[in-house]
Amino acid sequence: MEKISLPLSIIVAGALIAGGVYLNGKMEKDRELSAVEKAREGGLAGSSIERILRPLDENDHVLGSPSARIVIIEYSDTECPFCKTFHSTMNTIMQEYGNKAQVAWVYRHFPIAELHSKAPREAEALECVAELGGNSKFWEYINKLYEVTPSNNGLEDLELSKLAALVEIDKAKFTVCLNSGEFRTRVEADVQNAQELGALGTPFNILIDTKTGEHYPLEGAYPYNQLKQVIDLILES
């Protein structure tokens, strides 16, 4: 296994680096995050991803089997256009690999308020839906939200309650929850963890090979074909 593991990690890392180069030009706007950069500079240089990454717990939103060979933890901003693209990519990935318990997708919040002032409230809306309707409603709601938002602060606040009703969440209870700010701290905890990991933009993902324990950072909206290539490399090992 040792003879396979090291070359595989190099190959996978190379594929991910290539994707980062490809996406660098597209991600420039989302990388202009002075607050996040300061957090990174003052933070945990030299610490491993495994130590910094918050372990999965009962509050996480998971699509697929948590015991899957590959777990992709996404830190995302609902008003980021690149996140909208990547969300579609991940839905396709899950259609192909999720039912076989090969890939699990974990969604965490990284609203970049400096760029998208509406995103933090939208993140709280997602948590309210999860609280009121459970994990399946969370995924229904986020799919609808990404479908309708034009991104870059283009989603009207009134749409949040309309979407809740659309996925059969009690509109009145949803509104009370959202206006209470009950989940603000929860969202901020996700943001803090993303910053500790050195995330400079969204989407920011950690791909975990649960068999070997390897953790691979994925910065940017990786295209389907490239993400599939990395997944297949790991699954074939």
C-alpha atoms as a PDB file:
ATOM      1  CA  MET A   1       0.000   0.000   0.000  1.00  0.00           C
ATOM      2  CA  GLU A   2       2.874   2.374   0.781  1.00  0.00           C
ATOM      3  CA  LYS A   3       4.218   1.919  -2.750  1.00  0.00           C
ATOM      4  CA  ILE A   4       0.854   3.006  -4.164  1.00  0.00           C
ATOM      5  CA  SER A   5      -0.047   5.735  -1.694  1.00  0.00           C
ATOM      6  CA  LEU A   6       2.863   8.098  -2.224  1.00  0.00           C
ATOM      7  CA  PRO A   7       2.715   8.192  -6.044  1.00  0.00           C
ATOM      8  CA  LEU A   8      -1.065   8.543  -5.886  1.00  0.00           C
ATOM      9  CA  SER A   9      -0.833  11.531  -3.554  1.00  0.00           C
ATOM     10  CA  ILE A  10       1.653  13.155  -5.922  1.00  0.00           C
ATOM     11  CA  ILE A  11      -0.562  12.491  -8.960  1.00  0.00           C
ATOM     12  CA  VAL A  12      -3.691  13.778  -7.240  1.00  0.00           C
ATOM     13  CA  ALA A  13      -1.898  16.828  -5.890  1.00  0.00           C
ATOM     14  CA  GLY A  14      -0.568  17.521  -9.375  1.00  0.00           C
ATOM     15  CA  ALA A  15      -4.049  17.336 -10.844  1.00  0.00           C
ATOM     16  CA  LEU A  16      -5.358  19.711  -8.208  1.00  0.00           C
ATOM     17  CA  ILE A  17      -2.504  22.154  -8.716  1.00  0.00           C
ATOM     18  CA  ALA A  18      -3.203  22.124 -12.448  1.00  0.00           C
ATOM     19  CA  GLY A  19      -6.812  22.976 -11.678  1.00  0.00           C
ATOM     20  CA  GLY A  20      -5.702  25.821  -9.449  1.00  0.00           C
ATOM     21  CA  VAL A  21      -3.603  27.264 -12.252  1.00  0.00           C
ATOM     22  CA  TYR A  22      -6.516  26.932 -14.666  1.00  0.00           C
ATOM     23  CA  LEU A  23      -8.881  28.701 -12.290  1.00  0.00           C
ATOM     24  CA  ASN A  24      -6.512  31.395 -11.074  1.00  0.00           C
ATOM     25  CA  GLY A  25      -7.705  34.027 -13.505  1.00  0.00           C
ATOM     26  CA  LYS A  26     -11.368  33.324 -12.813  1.00  0.00           C
ATOM     27  CA  MET A  27     -10.984  33.564  -9.063  1.00  0.00           C
ATOM     28  CA  GLU A  28      -9.178  36.897  -8.779  1.00  0.00           C
ATOM     29  CA  LYS A  29     -12.211  38.852  -7.615  1.00  0.00           C
ATOM     30  CA  ASP A  30     -13.037  36.378  -4.842  1.00  0.00           C
ATOM     31  CA  ARG A  31      -9.443  36.452  -3.682  1.00  0.00           C
ATOM     32  CA  GLU A  32      -9.491  40.172  -2.858  1.00  0.00           C
ATOM     33  CA  LEU A  33     -10.351  39.505   0.750  1.00  0.00           C
ATOM     34  CA  SER A  34      -8.221  41.648   3.031  1.00  0.00           C
ATOM     35  CA  ALA A  35      -9.904  40.460   6.217  1.00  0.00           C
ATOM     36  CA  VAL A  36      -9.333  36.825   5.358  1.00  0.00           C
ATOM     37  CA  GLU A  37      -5.741  37.453   4.336  1.00  0.00           C
ATOM     38  CA  LYS A  38      -5.063  39.095   7.701  1.00  0.00           C
ATOM     39  CA  ALA A  39      -6.557  36.131   9.486  1.00  0.00           C
ATOM     40  CA  ARG A  40      -4.312  33.799   7.533  1.00  0.00           C
ATOM     41  CA  GLU A  41      -1.175  35.863   8.164  1.00  0.00           C
ATOM     42  CA  GLY A  42      -1.780  35.889  11.895  1.00  0.00           C
ATOM     43  CA  GLY A  43      -2.867  32.295  12.092  1.00  0.00           C
ATOM     44  CA  LEU A  44      -1.698  28.740  11.930  1.00  0.00           C
ATOM     45  CA  ALA A  45       1.143  28.592   9.426  1.00  0.00           C
ATOM     46  CA  GLY A  46       2.761  25.187   9.476  1.00  0.00           C
ATOM     47  CA  SER A  47      -0.203  23.367  11.022  1.00  0.00           C
ATOM     48  CA  SER A  48      -1.608  20.474   9.022  1.00  0.00           C
ATOM     49  CA  ILE A  49      -5.025  20.603   7.392  1.00  0.00           C
ATOM     50  CA  GLU A  50      -6.061  17.569   9.426  1.00  0.00           C
ATOM     51  CA  ARG A  51      -5.433  19.389  12.689  1.00  0.00           C
ATOM     52  CA  ILE A  52      -7.196  22.587  11.658  1.00  0.00           C
ATOM     53  CA  LEU A  53     -10.206  21.121   9.879  1.00  0.00           C
ATOM     54  CA  ARG A  54     -13.202  20.811  12.186  1.00  0.00           C
ATOM     55  CA  PRO A  55     -14.296  17.162  12.381  1.00  0.00           C
ATOM     56  CA  LEU A  56     -17.733  16.213  11.121  1.00  0.00           C
ATOM     57  CA  ASP A  57     -20.464  16.380  13.743  1.00  0.00           C
ATOM     58  CA  GLU A  58     -24.242  16.096  14.015  1.00  0.00           C
ATOM     59  CA  ASN A  59     -24.690  19.711  12.913  1.00  0.00           C
ATOM     60  CA  ASP A  60     -23.048  19.203   9.537  1.00  0.00           C
ATOM     61  CA  HIS A  61     -25.100  18.994   6.345  1.00  0.00           C
ATOM     62  CA  VAL A  62     -24.107  15.801   4.563  1.00  0.00           C
ATOM     63  CA  LEU A  63     -25.286  14.428   1.239  1.00  0.00           C
ATOM     64  CA  GLY A  64     -24.315  10.816   0.734  1.00  0.00           C
ATOM     65  CA  SER A  65     -22.802   8.331   3.159  1.00  0.00           C
ATOM     66  CA  PRO A  66     -20.420   9.778   5.796  1.00  0.00           C
ATOM     67  CA  SER A  67     -18.482   6.495   5.467  1.00  0.00           C
ATOM     68  CA  ALA A  68     -17.818   7.073   1.758  1.00  0.00           C
ATOM     69  CA  ARG A  69     -14.267   6.584   0.468  1.00  0.00           C
ATOM     70  CA  ILE A  70     -14.089  10.277  -0.494  1.00  0.00           C
ATOM     71  CA  VAL A  71     -15.535  13.140   1.533  1.00  0.00           C
ATOM     72  CA  ILE A  72     -15.608  16.621   0.001  1.00  0.00           C
ATOM     73  CA  ILE A  73     -16.096  19.401   2.537  1.00  0.00           C
ATOM     74  CA  GLU A  74     -17.144  22.618   0.818  1.00  0.00           C
ATOM     75  CA  TYR A  75     -16.963  26.113   2.330  1.00  0.00           C
ATOM     76  CA  SER A  76     -19.285  28.197   0.189  1.00  0.00           C
ATOM     77  CA  ASP A  77     -20.933  31.585  -0.324  1.00  0.00           C
ATOM     78  CA  THR A  78     -24.447  31.485  -1.790  1.00  0.00           C
ATOM     79  CA  GLU A  79     -23.961  34.789  -3.627  1.00  0.00           C
ATOM     80  CA  CYS A  80     -20.671  33.751  -5.231  1.00  0.00           C
ATOM     81  CA  PRO A  81     -21.148  32.985  -8.954  1.00  0.00           C
ATOM     82  CA  PHE A  82     -18.310  30.448  -8.871  1.00  0.00           C
ATOM     83  CA  CYS A  83     -20.043  28.648  -5.997  1.00  0.00           C
ATOM     84  CA  LYS A  84     -23.210  28.487  -8.054  1.00  0.00           C
ATOM     85  CA  THR A  85     -21.278  26.822 -10.870  1.00  0.00           C
ATOM     86  CA  PHE A  86     -19.525  24.437  -8.508  1.00  0.00           C
ATOM     87  CA  HIS A  87     -22.807  23.538  -6.821  1.00  0.00           C
ATOM     88  CA  SER A  88     -24.061  22.264 -10.156  1.00  0.00           C
ATOM     89  CA  THR A  89     -20.826  20.327 -10.641  1.00  0.00           C
ATOM     90  CA  MET A  90     -21.157  18.704  -7.222  1.00  0.00           C
ATOM     91  CA  ASN A  91     -24.762  17.721  -7.881  1.00  0.00           C
ATOM     92  CA  THR A  92     -23.573  15.915 -11.005  1.00  0.00           C
ATOM     93  CA  ILE A  93     -20.754  14.264  -9.058  1.00  0.00           C
ATOM     94  CA  MET A  94     -23.207  13.066  -6.413  1.00  0.00           C
ATOM     95  CA  GLN A  95     -25.574  11.658  -9.030  1.00  0.00           C
ATOM     96  CA  GLU A  96     -22.681   9.583 -10.339  1.00  0.00           C
ATOM     97  CA  TYR A  97     -20.908   8.594  -7.115  1.00  0.00           C
ATOM     98  CA  GLY A  98     -23.247   9.347  -4.213  1.00  0.00           C
ATOM     99  CA  ASN A  99     -25.623   6.418  -4.600  1.00  0.00           C
ATOM    100  CA  LYS A 100     -22.644   4.041  -4.651  1.00  0.00           C
ATOM    101  CA  ALA A 101     -21.416   5.435  -1.307  1.00  0.00           C
ATOM    102  CA  GLN A 102     -18.178   6.480  -3.012  1.00  0.00           C
ATOM    103  CA  VAL A 103     -18.424  10.247  -2.420  1.00  0.00           C
ATOM    104  CA  ALA A 104     -20.048  12.280   0.348  1.00  0.00           C
ATOM    105  CA  TRP A 105     -20.569  16.043   0.162  1.00  0.00           C
ATOM    106  CA  VAL A 106     -20.476  18.246   3.250  1.00  0.00           C
ATOM    107  CA  TYR A 107     -21.680  21.836   2.956  1.00  0.00           C
ATOM    108  CA  ARG A 108     -20.301  24.527   5.275  1.00  0.00           C
ATOM    109  CA  HIS A 109     -20.730  28.283   5.205  1.00  0.00           C
ATOM    110  CA  PHE A 110     -18.170  30.829   4.058  1.00  0.00           C
ATOM    111  CA  PRO A 111     -20.182  33.965   3.220  1.00  0.00           C
ATOM    112  CA  ILE A 112     -17.754  36.713   2.194  1.00  0.00           C
ATOM    113  CA  ALA A 113     -19.530  39.782   3.533  1.00  0.00           C
ATOM    114  CA  GLU A 114     -16.906  42.104   2.032  1.00  0.00           C
ATOM    115  CA  LEU A 115     -18.056  40.983  -1.412  1.00  0.00           C
ATOM    116  CA  HIS A 116     -21.592  39.727  -0.849  1.00  0.00           C
ATOM    117  CA  SER A 117     -23.370  41.491   1.996  1.00  0.00           C
ATOM    118  CA  LYS A 118     -26.489  39.340   1.583  1.00  0.00           C
ATOM    119  CA  ALA A 119     -24.677  36.031   1.879  1.00  0.00           C
ATOM    120  CA  PRO A 120     -24.463  35.827   5.705  1.00  0.00           C
ATOM    121  CA  ARG A 121     -28.247  36.139   6.050  1.00  0.00           C
ATOM    122  CA  GLU A 122     -28.731  33.544   3.338  1.00  0.00           C
ATOM    123  CA  ALA A 123     -26.426  31.196   5.245  1.00  0.00           C
ATOM    124  CA  GLU A 124     -28.593  31.688   8.331  1.00  0.00           C
ATOM    125  CA  ALA A 125     -31.686  30.985   6.204  1.00  0.00           C
ATOM    126  CA  LEU A 126     -30.164  27.630   5.255  1.00  0.00           C
ATOM    127  CA  GLU A 127     -29.652  26.793   8.907  1.00  0.00           C
ATOM    128  CA  CYS A 128     -33.250  27.737   9.720  1.00  0.00           C
ATOM    129  CA  VAL A 129     -34.512  25.376   7.032  1.00  0.00           C
ATOM    130  CA  ALA A 130     -32.323  22.582   8.409  1.00  0.00           C
ATOM    131  CA  GLU A 131     -33.640  23.241  11.912  1.00  0.00           C
ATOM    132  CA  LEU A 132     -37.267  23.212  10.793  1.00  0.00           C
ATOM    133  CA  GLY A 133     -37.139  20.513   8.127  1.00  0.00           C
ATOM    134  CA  GLY A 134     -34.033  18.402   8.591  1.00  0.00           C
ATOM    135  CA  ASN A 135     -31.152  17.474   6.321  1.00  0.00           C
ATOM    136  CA  SER A 136     -33.195  16.611   3.235  1.00  0.00           C
ATOM    137  CA  LYS A 137     -34.976  19.982   3.296  1.00  0.00           C
ATOM    138  CA  PHE A 138     -31.636  21.737   3.694  1.00  0.00           C
ATOM    139  CA  TRP A 139     -30.461  20.235   0.388  1.00  0.00           C
ATOM    140  CA  GLU A 140     -33.773  20.946  -1.337  1.00  0.00           C
ATOM    141  CA  TYR A 141     -33.596  24.560  -0.221  1.00  0.00           C
ATOM    142  CA  ILE A 142     -29.998  25.185  -1.206  1.00  0.00           C
ATOM    143  CA  ASN A 143     -30.621  23.686  -4.632  1.00  0.00           C
ATOM    144  CA  LYS A 144     -33.562  26.055  -5.124  1.00  0.00           C
ATOM    145  CA  LEU A 145     -31.574  29.024  -3.842  1.00  0.00           C
ATOM    146  CA  TYR A 146     -28.724  28.430  -6.272  1.00  0.00           C
ATOM    147  CA  GLU A 147     -31.216  27.951  -9.078  1.00  0.00           C
ATOM    148  CA  VAL A 148     -32.858  31.341  -8.569  1.00  0.00           C
ATOM    149  CA  THR A 149     -30.071  33.619  -7.355  1.00  0.00           C
ATOM    150  CA  PRO A 150     -28.377  35.667 -10.074  1.00  0.00           C
ATOM    151  CA  SER A 151     -25.389  35.850  -7.662  1.00  0.00           C
ATOM    152  CA  ASN A 152     -23.392  38.905  -6.556  1.00  0.00           C
ATOM    153  CA  ASN A 153     -26.109  40.136  -4.160  1.00  0.00           C
ATOM    154  CA  GLY A 154     -28.822  39.743  -6.770  1.00  0.00           C
ATOM    155  CA  LEU A 155     -31.265  37.707  -4.675  1.00  0.00           C
ATOM    156  CA  GLU A 156     -34.062  39.713  -3.039  1.00  0.00           C
ATOM    157  CA  ASP A 157     -34.527  39.054   0.671  1.00  0.00           C
ATOM    158  CA  LEU A 158     -38.216  38.246   0.191  1.00  0.00           C
ATOM    159  CA  GLU A 159     -37.228  35.267  -1.926  1.00  0.00           C
ATOM    160  CA  LEU A 160     -35.812  33.510   1.125  1.00  0.00           C
ATOM    161  CA  SER A 161     -39.208  32.946   2.723  1.00  0.00           C
ATOM    162  CA  LYS A 162     -40.785  32.149  -0.665  1.00  0.00           C
ATOM    163  CA  LEU A 163     -38.227  29.427  -1.235  1.00  0.00           C
ATOM    164  CA  ALA A 164     -38.845  28.068   2.262  1.00  0.00           C
ATOM    165  CA  ALA A 165     -42.543  27.720   1.492  1.00  0.00           C
ATOM    166  CA  LEU A 166     -41.676  26.122  -1.844  1.00  0.00           C
ATOM    167  CA  VAL A 167     -39.858  23.279  -0.073  1.00  0.00           C
ATOM    168  CA  GLU A 168     -42.754  22.961   2.396  1.00  0.00           C
ATOM    169  CA  ILE A 169     -41.213  24.758   5.375  1.00  0.00           C
ATOM    170  CA  ASP A 170     -43.649  26.733   7.530  1.00  0.00           C
ATOM    171  CA  LYS A 171     -43.164  30.294   6.305  1.00  0.00           C
ATOM    172  CA  ALA A 172     -44.054  31.972   9.599  1.00  0.00           C
ATOM    173  CA  LYS A 173     -41.719  29.779  11.644  1.00  0.00           C
ATOM    174  CA  PHE A 174     -38.972  30.294   9.096  1.00  0.00           C
ATOM    175  CA  THR A 175     -39.325  34.074   9.284  1.00  0.00           C
ATOM    176  CA  VAL A 176     -39.206  34.050  13.086  1.00  0.00           C
ATOM    177  CA  CYS A 177     -36.085  31.895  13.007  1.00  0.00           C
ATOM    178  CA  LEU A 178     -34.319  34.009  10.407  1.00  0.00           C
ATOM    179  CA  ASN A 179     -35.070  37.304  12.130  1.00  0.00           C
ATOM    180  CA  SER A 180     -33.951  35.947  15.496  1.00  0.00           C
ATOM    181  CA  GLY A 181     -30.327  35.581  14.416  1.00  0.00           C
ATOM    182  CA  GLU A 182     -30.304  32.207  16.157  1.00  0.00           C
ATOM    183  CA  PHE A 183     -27.753  30.687  13.790  1.00  0.00           C
ATOM    184  CA  ARG A 184     -25.431  33.647  13.344  1.00  0.00           C
ATOM    185  CA  THR A 185     -22.843  32.142  15.672  1.00  0.00           C
ATOM    186  CA  ARG A 186     -23.027  28.822  13.858  1.00  0.00           C
ATOM    187  CA  VAL A 187     -22.335  30.483  10.500  1.00  0.00           C
ATOM    188  CA  GLU A 188     -19.500  32.530  11.982  1.00  0.00           C
ATOM    189  CA  ALA A 189     -17.902  29.338  13.311  1.00  0.00           C
ATOM    190  CA  ASP A 190     -17.788  27.914   9.775  1.00  0.00           C
ATOM    191  CA  VAL A 191     -16.281  31.153   8.481  1.00  0.00           C
ATOM    192  CA  GLN A 192     -13.631  31.075  11.181  1.00  0.00           C
ATOM    193  CA  ASN A 193     -12.682  27.498  10.340  1.00  0.00           C
ATOM    194  CA  ALA A 194     -12.396  28.361   6.643  1.00  0.00           C
ATOM    195  CA  GLN A 195     -10.107  31.260   7.514  1.00  0.00           C
ATOM    196  CA  GLU A 196      -7.990  29.060   9.768  1.00  0.00           C
ATOM    197  CA  LEU A 197      -7.576  26.678   6.843  1.00  0.00           C
ATOM    198  CA  GLY A 198      -6.206  29.554   4.762  1.00  0.00           C
ATOM    199  CA  ALA A 199      -9.173  29.950   2.433  1.00  0.00           C
ATOM    200  CA  LEU A 200      -8.879  33.117   0.356  1.00  0.00           C
ATOM    201  CA  GLY A 201     -11.991  32.741  -1.773  1.00  0.00           C
ATOM    202  CA  THR A 202     -14.982  30.596  -2.532  1.00  0.00           C
ATOM    203  CA  PRO A 203     -15.704  27.836  -3.140  1.00  0.00           C
ATOM    204  CA  PHE A 204     -12.996  26.367  -0.931  1.00  0.00           C
ATOM    205  CA  ASN A 205     -13.007  22.598  -0.499  1.00  0.00           C
ATOM    206  CA  ILE A 206     -11.122  19.898   1.312  1.00  0.00           C
ATOM    207  CA  LEU A 207     -11.155  16.501  -0.416  1.00  0.00           C
ATOM    208  CA  ILE A 208     -10.490  13.697   2.058  1.00  0.00           C
ATOM    209  CA  ASP A 209      -9.441  10.181   1.098  1.00  0.00           C
ATOM    210  CA  THR A 210     -10.797   8.335   4.129  1.00  0.00           C
ATOM    211  CA  LYS A 211      -8.802   5.210   3.267  1.00  0.00           C
ATOM    212  CA  THR A 212      -5.377   6.852   3.404  1.00  0.00           C
ATOM    213  CA  GLY A 213      -6.170   9.930   5.472  1.00  0.00           C
ATOM    214  CA  GLU A 214      -4.862  12.236   2.736  1.00  0.00           C
ATOM    215  CA  HIS A 215      -6.408  15.731   2.684  1.00  0.00           C
ATOM    216  CA  TYR A 216      -6.316  17.745  -0.538  1.00  0.00           C
ATOM    217  CA  PRO A 217      -7.326  21.441  -0.660  1.00  0.00           C
ATOM    218  CA  LEU A 218      -9.350  22.421  -3.728  1.00  0.00           C
ATOM    219  CA  GLU A 219      -9.401  26.174  -4.262  1.00  0.00           C
ATOM    220  CA  GLY A 220     -11.919  27.362  -6.805  1.00  0.00           C
ATOM    221  CA  ALA A 221     -14.742  25.984  -8.923  1.00  0.00           C
ATOM    222  CA  TYR A 222     -13.123  22.854 -10.313  1.00  0.00           C
ATOM    223  CA  PRO A 223     -14.717  21.712 -13.585  1.00  0.00           C
ATOM    224  CA  TYR A 224     -16.576  18.399 -13.550  1.00  0.00           C
ATOM    225  CA  ASN A 225     -14.102  16.562 -15.787  1.00  0.00           C
ATOM    226  CA  GLN A 226     -11.124  17.501 -13.646  1.00  0.00           C
ATOM    227  CA  LEU A 227     -12.837  16.701 -10.358  1.00  0.00           C
ATOM    228  CA  LYS A 228     -13.988  13.372 -11.770  1.00  0.00           C
ATOM    229  CA  GLN A 229     -10.413  12.572 -12.819  1.00  0.00           C
ATOM    230  CA  VAL A 230      -9.174  13.122  -9.261  1.00  0.00           C
ATOM    231  CA  ILE A 231     -12.027  11.078  -7.755  1.00  0.00           C
ATOM    232  CA  ASP A 232     -11.417   8.179 -10.150  1.00  0.00           C
ATOM    233  CA  LEU A 233      -7.692   8.183  -9.379  1.00  0.00           C
ATOM    234  CA  ILE A 234      -8.438   7.787  -5.692  1.00  0.00           C
ATOM    235  CA  LEU A 235     -11.180   5.180  -6.117  1.00  0.00           C
ATOM    236  CA  GLU A 236      -8.962   3.045  -8.334  1.00  0.00           C
ATOM    237  CA  SER A 237      -6.155   2.946  -5.772  1.00  0.00           C
END
